[in-house]
Amino acid sequence: MLFLNIGSGSKGNASFINTGETNLLIDAGLSVKRINKALKKVKKEVGNITDLIITHEHSDHVNGFLTLFKNNNFNLYMTK
């Protein structure tokens, strides 16, 4: 298993977990460009994301969500 904390704080939150074929992004509070740059360090990219969990709808957890969602196909988990 691989865990990567991409960002944590009031300016944006995102974490990545890889467990074999599952590439899970928890929150998308950073720009897709910044998320992708961090993922490249572990030889992944946003197109590899299989699942996305949005923990809650504050801007520091969802800022990059629309761009990410528009350009990629993944399972999405979030509150109504």
Protein backbone atom coordinates (compact mmCIF):
# COMPACT_ATOMS: atom_id res chain seq x y z
CA MET A 1 0.00 0.00 0.00
CA LEU A 2 1.14 3.53 -0.81
CA PHE A 3 -0.07 6.67 0.98
CA LEU A 4 0.74 10.15 -0.31
CA ASN A 5 -0.37 13.30 1.49
CA ILE A 6 -0.57 15.86 -1.32
CA GLY A 7 -1.79 18.77 0.79
CA SER A 8 -3.36 19.43 4.15
CA GLY A 9 -4.53 22.77 5.44
CA SER A 10 -6.77 25.74 4.79
CA LYS A 11 -5.25 26.23 1.31
CA GLY A 12 -6.27 22.75 0.16
CA ASN A 13 -6.54 19.10 1.10
CA ALA A 14 -5.86 15.97 -0.92
CA SER A 15 -4.45 12.54 -0.16
CA PHE A 16 -3.78 9.57 -2.41
CA ILE A 17 -3.84 5.87 -1.55
CA ASN A 18 -2.81 3.07 -3.90
CA THR A 19 -3.63 -0.54 -3.04
CA GLY A 20 -2.83 -2.60 -6.09
CA GLU A 21 -5.36 -1.70 -8.76
CA THR A 22 -7.22 0.85 -6.64
CA ASN A 23 -6.06 4.46 -6.84
CA LEU A 24 -8.05 6.42 -4.29
CA LEU A 25 -8.01 10.19 -3.98
CA ILE A 26 -9.43 11.58 -0.76
CA ASP A 27 -10.60 15.15 -1.34
CA ALA A 28 -9.71 17.38 -4.27
CA GLY A 29 -9.05 20.70 -2.60
CA LEU A 30 -6.03 21.53 -4.75
CA SER A 31 -5.76 22.28 -8.44
CA VAL A 32 -5.65 19.31 -10.78
CA LYS A 33 -2.24 20.55 -11.92
CA ARG A 34 -0.87 20.37 -8.37
CA ILE A 35 -2.47 16.97 -7.72
CA ASN A 36 -1.04 15.60 -10.96
CA LYS A 37 2.44 16.97 -10.17
CA ALA A 38 2.41 15.16 -6.81
CA LEU A 39 1.11 11.92 -8.34
CA LYS A 40 3.89 11.89 -10.92
CA LYS A 41 6.37 11.51 -8.05
CA VAL A 42 4.86 8.06 -7.43
CA LYS A 43 4.50 7.27 -11.17
CA LYS A 44 0.74 7.95 -11.27
CA GLU A 45 -1.43 10.68 -12.78
CA VAL A 46 -4.97 11.94 -12.32
CA GLY A 47 -6.14 9.68 -15.14
CA ASN A 48 -5.21 6.69 -12.96
CA ILE A 49 -7.67 7.65 -10.19
CA THR A 50 -10.28 4.91 -9.79
CA ASP A 51 -12.13 6.30 -6.79
CA LEU A 52 -12.65 9.72 -5.24
CA ILE A 53 -13.98 10.42 -1.76
CA ILE A 54 -15.08 13.95 -0.93
CA THR A 55 -15.21 14.13 2.86
CA HIS A 56 -17.26 17.34 2.93
CA GLU A 57 -18.04 20.30 0.71
CA HIS A 58 -15.76 23.03 2.09
CA SER A 59 -13.76 24.76 -0.64
CA ASP A 60 -10.42 23.52 0.73
CA HIS A 61 -11.67 19.97 0.01
CA VAL A 62 -13.35 20.49 -3.39
CA ASN A 63 -11.58 23.30 -5.31
CA GLY A 64 -10.23 20.96 -8.00
CA PHE A 65 -13.25 18.67 -8.09
CA LEU A 66 -15.08 20.01 -11.16
CA THR A 67 -12.02 19.92 -13.40
CA LEU A 68 -11.09 16.49 -12.12
CA PHE A 69 -14.63 15.15 -12.52
CA LYS A 70 -15.10 16.61 -16.01
CA ASN A 71 -11.96 15.01 -17.43
CA ASN A 72 -11.84 11.61 -15.71
CA ASN A 73 -13.88 8.49 -15.08
CA PHE A 74 -13.90 7.23 -11.47
CA ASN A 75 -16.25 6.12 -8.72
CA LEU A 76 -17.38 9.09 -6.63
CA TYR A 77 -18.33 8.94 -2.97
CA MET A 78 -19.70 12.00 -1.19
CA THR A 79 -22.55 13.20 0.94
CA LYS A 80 -25.75 14.49 -0.67
